[in-house]
Amino acid sequence: MNSATATELTRRSMLKSLGAAAGLGLGGNVLGVGRASAQGLTTVTLQLGWLASNGILGEVAAAEQGFFEEEGLELEITPGGPNVDGVASVASGRASLGSISSSPSLMLARSQGLPIKCIAAGYQQHPFTYFSLEKNPVREPQDLIGKTVATNGTARILLQALLAANDIPENEVEVLVMGSDMSPLLTGQADVVTGWKTNTSALEVLGEERVDMTLWDAGIKLYANPYYVTDTSLAESPEMVAGALRAIARGWGWVRDNPEAAVEILVSRYPNLDKEAELKTVDMVVDYSFNEATAEHGWGTMTRENWQAQLDAYDQLGQFEGEAPSVDDVMTLSVLEETASARPTYG
């Protein structure tokens, strides 16, 4: 996943991206939910909120290993991109399920009346990170005071949340809008740039003097790569939803056990990806997917308490129109409970 697409959506950008997705029609290769394939399998379409990358290692591994077929399913992956987060595709029924960069996007969508709900968290911690250099390091939130931070326009809300959580006035930090590369830090335009820590190709230019402060360590504990479906799918197609999540969970377990082979599968399906860069990154991706929480509760686990904290933070920042959605509006543990025996318990 690249830093250009892996950022939060504010209320306005959410509406813009949903409209773009609907207007584009998401291309002619998107299959309807539950369409039967020639092999008698039910085709499920996974709509991504980003361009295909190492964020779907588990999915492509699961497809290659036959895990979807064992569930009576056939997987089709539809990429998103900078202007297509995929939420509209899932909400309208064009896609069976979706995975988006960050959990607050689902909260914002629900607050706009879209009937979608999170069923699992792909990454247990969010890789979004503030990068600086040793000559002027930012190691903790208080170090941001007096600094110039270059970030994506849609990620400004993340900085606002970080500052609010650490009692730092917004006027103490200057903000610039950046693209997908890290040049503002190297040219001196900014003291800090932002992006996903898993985007190793873009980060190579920063060299060994790079200093990282993750959003998670700074106190903003978001989930990354959350999986979501519609209320209708949960009510009317629970077997399909559970089967898809079981296959995906097993795929990520396979990636953890066979990282190099998983990269081979990924780059064979998406030859635009750089194999060497993906090999350098795969262990980090696995670490974001499995930790002490998954060791106890299995891949994809999430908590109501974490979701409530996110809802509270975004409500305090005025990101919801009207009343904030409830935890039960935005997530359910029912699919995780249904698939508990199949989800790998690695730490």
Protein backbone atom coordinates (compact mmCIF):
# COMPACT_ATOMS: atom_id res chain seq x y z
CA MET A 1 0.00 0.00 0.00
CA ASN A 2 1.40 3.40 -0.82
CA SER A 3 1.29 6.53 1.28
CA ALA A 4 -0.79 8.40 -1.30
CA THR A 5 -3.76 6.11 -0.83
CA ALA A 6 -3.33 5.03 2.75
CA THR A 7 -4.73 8.05 4.56
CA GLU A 8 -7.83 8.98 6.49
CA LEU A 9 -10.87 10.54 4.93
CA THR A 10 -12.38 13.66 6.38
CA ARG A 11 -16.12 14.19 6.04
CA ARG A 12 -15.77 16.15 2.81
CA SER A 13 -13.23 13.83 1.21
CA MET A 14 -15.35 10.82 2.16
CA LEU A 15 -18.31 12.23 0.29
CA LYS A 16 -16.11 13.14 -2.66
CA SER A 17 -14.58 9.69 -2.88
CA LEU A 18 -17.94 7.95 -2.56
CA GLY A 19 -19.29 10.07 -5.38
CA ALA A 20 -16.24 9.34 -7.52
CA ALA A 21 -16.63 5.64 -6.99
CA ALA A 22 -20.28 5.69 -7.94
CA GLY A 23 -19.65 7.92 -10.94
CA LEU A 24 -16.86 5.77 -12.28
CA GLY A 25 -18.98 2.66 -12.04
CA LEU A 26 -15.81 0.92 -10.88
CA GLY A 27 -15.09 -0.52 -14.29
CA GLY A 28 -16.66 -3.36 -16.22
CA ASN A 29 -14.89 -6.19 -14.45
CA VAL A 30 -16.74 -6.01 -11.14
CA LEU A 31 -18.97 -9.00 -10.52
CA GLY A 32 -22.18 -8.87 -8.55
CA VAL A 33 -22.37 -10.35 -5.09
CA GLY A 34 -22.85 -14.08 -5.05
CA ARG A 35 -22.60 -14.72 -8.79
CA ALA A 36 -22.13 -18.41 -9.62
CA SER A 37 -18.97 -19.31 -11.55
CA ALA A 38 -18.63 -21.93 -14.25
CA GLN A 39 -17.12 -24.31 -11.69
CA GLY A 40 -20.20 -24.08 -9.48
CA LEU A 41 -18.42 -21.81 -7.01
CA THR A 42 -19.90 -18.60 -5.70
CA THR A 43 -17.83 -15.63 -6.81
CA VAL A 44 -17.07 -13.11 -4.09
CA THR A 45 -15.64 -9.75 -5.04
CA LEU A 46 -13.22 -8.10 -2.64
CA GLN A 47 -13.18 -4.35 -3.24
CA LEU A 48 -9.94 -2.72 -2.11
CA GLY A 49 -9.53 0.86 -1.01
CA TRP A 50 -6.04 0.98 -2.54
CA LEU A 51 -4.07 -0.25 -5.52
CA ALA A 52 -3.07 -3.91 -5.30
CA SER A 53 -0.03 -4.32 -3.04
CA ASN A 54 1.33 -6.30 -0.09
CA GLY A 55 -1.88 -5.53 1.77
CA ILE A 56 -3.49 -8.48 -0.04
CA LEU A 57 -0.74 -11.06 0.46
CA GLY A 58 -3.15 -13.17 2.48
CA GLU A 59 -5.89 -13.01 -0.12
CA VAL A 60 -3.76 -14.04 -3.08
CA ALA A 61 -2.14 -16.79 -1.01
CA ALA A 62 -5.57 -18.07 0.04
CA ALA A 63 -6.74 -18.14 -3.56
CA GLU A 64 -3.58 -19.91 -4.72
CA GLN A 65 -3.78 -22.50 -1.95
CA GLY A 66 -7.43 -23.30 -2.65
CA PHE A 67 -8.79 -21.97 0.64
CA PHE A 68 -11.63 -20.10 -1.06
CA GLU A 69 -12.52 -23.12 -3.16
CA GLU A 70 -12.79 -25.20 0.03
CA GLU A 71 -15.45 -22.73 1.15
CA GLY A 72 -17.31 -23.06 -2.16
CA LEU A 73 -16.10 -19.62 -3.18
CA GLU A 74 -14.08 -18.02 -5.94
CA LEU A 75 -12.29 -14.74 -5.22
CA GLU A 76 -12.12 -11.72 -7.47
CA ILE A 77 -10.13 -8.70 -6.31
CA THR A 78 -11.01 -5.21 -7.54
CA PRO A 79 -8.42 -2.53 -6.77
CA GLY A 80 -9.29 0.95 -5.60
CA GLY A 81 -7.03 3.95 -5.88
CA PRO A 82 -6.50 7.59 -4.92
CA ASN A 83 -10.07 8.58 -5.85
CA VAL A 84 -11.85 5.26 -5.27
CA ASP A 85 -11.91 3.95 -1.71
CA GLY A 86 -14.42 1.25 -2.64
CA VAL A 87 -16.98 1.92 0.07
CA ALA A 88 -19.70 2.87 -2.44
CA SER A 89 -19.11 -0.35 -4.36
CA VAL A 90 -19.71 -2.50 -1.29
CA ALA A 91 -22.57 -0.38 0.04
CA SER A 92 -24.39 -0.60 -3.30
CA GLY A 93 -23.97 -4.38 -3.55
CA ARG A 94 -21.54 -4.33 -6.47
CA ALA A 95 -18.90 -6.03 -4.33
CA SER A 96 -19.31 -8.73 -1.68
CA LEU A 97 -16.92 -7.28 0.87
CA GLY A 98 -14.29 -4.60 1.12
CA SER A 99 -11.03 -3.72 2.77
CA ILE A 100 -10.08 -0.09 3.28
CA SER A 101 -6.96 1.64 4.52
CA SER A 102 -8.17 2.83 7.90
CA SER A 103 -10.97 2.18 10.36
CA PRO A 104 -12.27 5.77 10.68
CA SER A 105 -13.29 5.71 7.01
CA LEU A 106 -15.94 3.17 7.96
CA MET A 107 -17.13 5.30 10.89
CA LEU A 108 -17.48 8.31 8.61
CA ALA A 109 -19.31 6.29 5.96
CA ARG A 110 -21.74 4.92 8.53
CA SER A 111 -22.38 8.42 9.83
CA GLN A 112 -23.44 9.33 6.29
CA GLY A 113 -26.02 6.57 6.28
CA LEU A 114 -24.14 3.88 4.36
CA PRO A 115 -25.16 0.44 5.74
CA ILE A 116 -21.70 -1.06 6.17
CA LYS A 117 -20.08 -2.72 9.17
CA CYS A 118 -16.56 -3.89 10.02
CA ILE A 119 -16.11 -7.63 10.58
CA ALA A 120 -12.33 -7.93 11.14
CA ALA A 121 -9.12 -5.91 11.43
CA GLY A 122 -6.40 -6.93 8.99
CA TYR A 123 -3.59 -5.01 10.71
CA GLN A 124 -3.61 -4.85 14.49
CA GLN A 125 -1.71 -1.56 14.50
CA HIS A 126 -1.79 1.22 11.95
CA PRO A 127 1.46 1.68 9.95
CA PHE A 128 0.87 5.42 9.40
CA THR A 129 4.06 7.13 10.55
CA TYR A 130 5.67 10.56 10.94
CA PHE A 131 9.19 10.48 9.47
CA SER A 132 11.99 12.89 10.34
CA LEU A 133 15.80 12.88 10.24
CA GLU A 134 18.37 12.53 13.02
CA LYS A 135 19.52 16.13 12.60
CA ASN A 136 16.06 17.38 13.62
CA PRO A 137 14.25 14.37 15.07
CA VAL A 138 10.63 13.89 16.09
CA ARG A 139 10.51 10.93 18.45
CA GLU A 140 7.42 11.85 20.48
CA PRO A 141 4.41 14.14 19.96
CA GLN A 142 5.86 17.08 21.93
CA ASP A 143 8.74 17.20 19.43
CA LEU A 144 6.24 18.39 16.79
CA ILE A 145 5.95 21.79 18.44
CA GLY A 146 7.51 24.41 16.18
CA LYS A 147 7.95 21.93 13.32
CA THR A 148 6.64 21.95 9.75
CA VAL A 149 4.80 18.75 8.89
CA ALA A 150 4.13 17.73 5.29
CA THR A 151 1.21 15.32 4.99
CA ASN A 152 -1.44 14.26 2.50
CA GLY A 153 -4.46 16.54 2.47
CA THR A 154 -6.82 13.81 3.61
CA ALA A 155 -4.46 12.85 6.45
CA ARG A 156 -4.60 16.25 8.11
CA ILE A 157 -7.35 14.95 10.39
CA LEU A 158 -4.87 12.38 11.73
CA LEU A 159 -2.48 15.15 12.70
CA GLN A 160 -5.32 17.07 14.32
CA ALA A 161 -6.28 13.98 16.32
CA LEU A 162 -2.67 13.43 17.38
CA LEU A 163 -2.26 17.04 18.51
CA ALA A 164 -5.56 17.01 20.40
CA ALA A 165 -4.72 13.74 22.15
CA ASN A 166 -1.44 15.23 23.34
CA ASP A 167 -2.76 18.71 24.29
CA ILE A 168 -0.75 20.47 21.58
CA PRO A 169 -2.39 23.59 20.06
CA GLU A 170 -2.74 23.31 16.29
CA ASN A 171 -1.13 26.70 15.76
CA GLU A 172 2.10 25.31 17.23
CA VAL A 173 2.62 23.17 14.09
CA GLU A 174 2.81 24.33 10.48
CA VAL A 175 1.24 22.00 7.92
CA LEU A 176 2.11 21.56 4.24
CA VAL A 177 0.37 19.32 1.72
CA MET A 178 2.59 16.67 0.14
CA GLY A 179 2.22 14.06 -2.57
CA SER A 180 3.38 10.47 -2.42
CA ASP A 181 7.14 11.06 -2.31
CA MET A 182 9.34 12.08 0.60
CA SER A 183 11.14 14.98 -1.09
CA PRO A 184 9.85 17.76 1.23
CA LEU A 185 11.93 16.28 4.05
CA LEU A 186 15.06 15.99 1.93
CA THR A 187 14.79 19.49 0.46
CA GLY A 188 14.19 21.12 3.83
CA GLN A 189 10.66 22.26 3.01
CA ALA A 190 9.42 20.22 5.94
CA ASP A 191 10.82 18.82 9.17
CA VAL A 192 8.45 15.85 9.04
CA VAL A 193 6.75 13.85 6.29
CA THR A 194 4.12 11.15 6.60
CA GLY A 195 3.32 7.79 5.04
CA TRP A 196 2.92 4.10 5.69
CA LYS A 197 5.88 2.34 7.24
CA THR A 198 5.25 -0.61 4.92
CA ASN A 199 5.95 1.56 1.86
CA THR A 200 9.62 0.65 1.86
CA SER A 201 10.28 1.65 -1.75
CA ALA A 202 9.32 5.29 -1.13
CA LEU A 203 11.17 5.38 2.19
CA GLU A 204 14.52 4.19 0.86
CA VAL A 205 15.49 7.74 -0.12
CA LEU A 206 15.52 8.79 3.54
CA GLY A 207 18.42 6.49 4.29
CA GLU A 208 19.75 5.40 7.67
CA GLU A 209 19.18 8.80 9.30
CA ARG A 210 15.41 8.25 9.29
CA VAL A 211 13.53 8.64 12.58
CA ASP A 212 10.05 7.12 12.94
CA MET A 213 7.13 8.08 15.17
CA THR A 214 4.11 5.92 14.43
CA LEU A 215 0.60 7.23 14.82
CA TRP A 216 -0.13 4.30 17.13
CA ASP A 217 2.78 5.10 19.46
CA ALA A 218 1.68 8.74 19.47
CA GLY A 219 -1.62 7.70 21.02
CA ILE A 220 -3.98 7.39 18.02
CA LYS A 221 -4.79 3.69 17.92
CA LEU A 222 -6.54 3.00 14.62
CA TYR A 223 -6.97 -0.30 12.85
CA ALA A 224 -5.58 -0.63 9.33
CA ASN A 225 -6.98 -2.74 6.49
CA PRO A 226 -10.33 -3.41 8.18
CA TYR A 227 -12.71 -5.75 6.36
CA TYR A 228 -16.35 -4.75 6.02
CA VAL A 229 -19.66 -5.89 4.52
CA THR A 230 -23.20 -4.57 4.36
CA ASP A 231 -25.88 -5.14 6.95
CA THR A 232 -27.77 -7.06 4.25
CA SER A 233 -24.88 -9.46 3.66
CA LEU A 234 -24.61 -10.13 7.38
CA ALA A 235 -28.33 -10.86 7.59
CA GLU A 236 -28.91 -12.71 4.32
CA SER A 237 -25.54 -14.25 3.37
CA PRO A 238 -23.81 -15.10 6.67
CA GLU A 239 -22.31 -18.32 5.26
CA MET A 240 -20.66 -16.43 2.41
CA VAL A 241 -19.30 -13.77 4.75
CA ALA A 242 -17.94 -16.31 7.22
CA GLY A 243 -16.50 -18.49 4.45
CA ALA A 244 -14.68 -15.57 2.87
CA LEU A 245 -13.22 -14.48 6.20
CA ARG A 246 -12.13 -18.02 7.05
CA ALA A 247 -10.30 -18.28 3.73
CA ILE A 248 -8.64 -14.88 4.16
CA ALA A 249 -7.58 -15.68 7.72
CA ARG A 250 -6.05 -18.98 6.64
CA GLY A 251 -4.30 -17.16 3.81
CA TRP A 252 -2.65 -14.75 6.22
CA GLY A 253 -1.57 -17.64 8.40
CA TRP A 254 0.01 -19.21 5.33
CA VAL A 255 1.82 -15.95 4.57
CA ARG A 256 3.22 -15.93 8.09
CA ASP A 257 4.56 -19.47 7.61
CA ASN A 258 5.71 -18.99 3.98
CA PRO A 259 6.62 -15.32 3.49
CA GLU A 260 8.92 -15.68 0.50
CA ALA A 261 6.55 -18.01 -1.32
CA ALA A 262 3.71 -15.57 -0.62
CA VAL A 263 5.69 -12.76 -2.24
CA GLU A 264 6.26 -14.98 -5.29
CA ILE A 265 2.50 -15.46 -5.61
CA LEU A 266 1.85 -11.73 -5.19
CA VAL A 267 4.32 -10.54 -7.81
CA SER A 268 3.25 -13.25 -10.26
CA ARG A 269 -0.29 -11.90 -10.08
CA TYR A 270 0.78 -8.25 -10.01
CA PRO A 271 4.04 -8.02 -12.02
CA ASN A 272 4.16 -4.23 -11.60
CA LEU A 273 5.27 -4.81 -7.99
CA ASP A 274 8.98 -4.96 -7.20
CA LYS A 275 9.91 -8.40 -5.90
CA GLU A 276 12.98 -7.29 -3.96
CA ALA A 277 11.10 -4.48 -2.25
CA GLU A 278 8.27 -6.84 -1.32
CA LEU A 279 10.71 -9.38 0.12
CA LYS A 280 12.16 -6.63 2.32
CA THR A 281 8.68 -5.65 3.50
CA VAL A 282 6.87 -8.96 4.03
CA ASP A 283 8.12 -9.55 7.58
CA MET A 284 6.91 -6.11 8.61
CA VAL A 285 3.51 -6.78 7.04
CA VAL A 286 3.29 -10.04 9.01
CA ASP A 287 4.20 -8.19 12.22
CA TYR A 288 1.33 -5.75 11.68
CA SER A 289 -1.03 -8.68 11.07
CA PHE A 290 -0.06 -10.76 14.10
CA ASN A 291 0.73 -9.68 17.66
CA GLU A 292 -0.12 -10.61 21.23
CA ALA A 293 -3.82 -9.95 20.59
CA THR A 294 -3.95 -12.39 17.68
CA ALA A 295 -1.96 -14.94 19.67
CA GLU A 296 -4.88 -15.06 22.08
CA HIS A 297 -7.87 -14.29 19.87
CA GLY A 298 -6.75 -15.14 16.34
CA TRP A 299 -6.03 -13.19 13.15
CA GLY A 300 -8.40 -10.29 12.52
CA THR A 301 -9.34 -9.71 16.15
CA MET A 302 -10.55 -6.31 17.29
CA THR A 303 -12.17 -4.83 20.38
CA ARG A 304 -15.26 -2.77 21.05
CA GLU A 305 -13.19 -0.61 23.40
CA ASN A 306 -10.79 0.41 20.65
CA TRP A 307 -13.67 1.27 18.31
CA GLN A 308 -15.35 3.33 21.01
CA ALA A 309 -12.15 5.29 21.60
CA GLN A 310 -11.93 6.04 17.87
CA LEU A 311 -15.56 7.14 17.73
CA ASP A 312 -15.04 9.42 20.73
CA ALA A 313 -11.93 11.01 19.22
CA TYR A 314 -13.56 11.74 15.87
CA ASP A 315 -16.73 13.01 17.53
CA GLN A 316 -14.68 15.44 19.63
CA LEU A 317 -13.03 16.69 16.44
CA GLY A 318 -16.45 17.35 14.87
CA GLN A 319 -16.07 14.85 12.05
CA PHE A 320 -19.61 13.45 12.19
CA GLU A 321 -22.67 15.24 10.88
CA GLY A 322 -25.23 14.97 13.60
CA GLU A 323 -24.96 12.23 16.21
CA ALA A 324 -21.93 9.95 16.16
CA PRO A 325 -22.61 6.33 15.20
CA SER A 326 -22.51 3.73 17.95
CA VAL A 327 -20.04 0.88 18.25
CA ASP A 328 -22.76 -1.55 17.17
CA ASP A 329 -23.39 0.59 14.08
CA VAL A 330 -19.81 0.34 12.85
CA MET A 331 -18.58 -3.11 13.86
CA THR A 332 -19.63 -6.62 14.83
CA LEU A 333 -17.74 -9.46 16.48
CA SER A 334 -20.20 -12.08 15.22
CA VAL A 335 -18.16 -13.16 12.19
CA LEU A 336 -14.96 -13.40 14.22
CA GLU A 337 -16.80 -15.58 16.71
CA GLU A 338 -18.20 -17.77 13.92
CA THR A 339 -14.74 -18.27 12.40
CA ALA A 340 -12.73 -18.54 15.62
CA SER A 341 -11.59 -22.13 15.10
CA ALA A 342 -10.17 -21.37 11.63
CA ARG A 343 -8.35 -18.13 12.34
CA PRO A 344 -4.62 -18.66 13.11
CA THR A 345 -3.47 -17.74 16.61
CA TYR A 346 0.03 -16.49 15.91
CA GLY A 347 1.76 -13.76 17.88
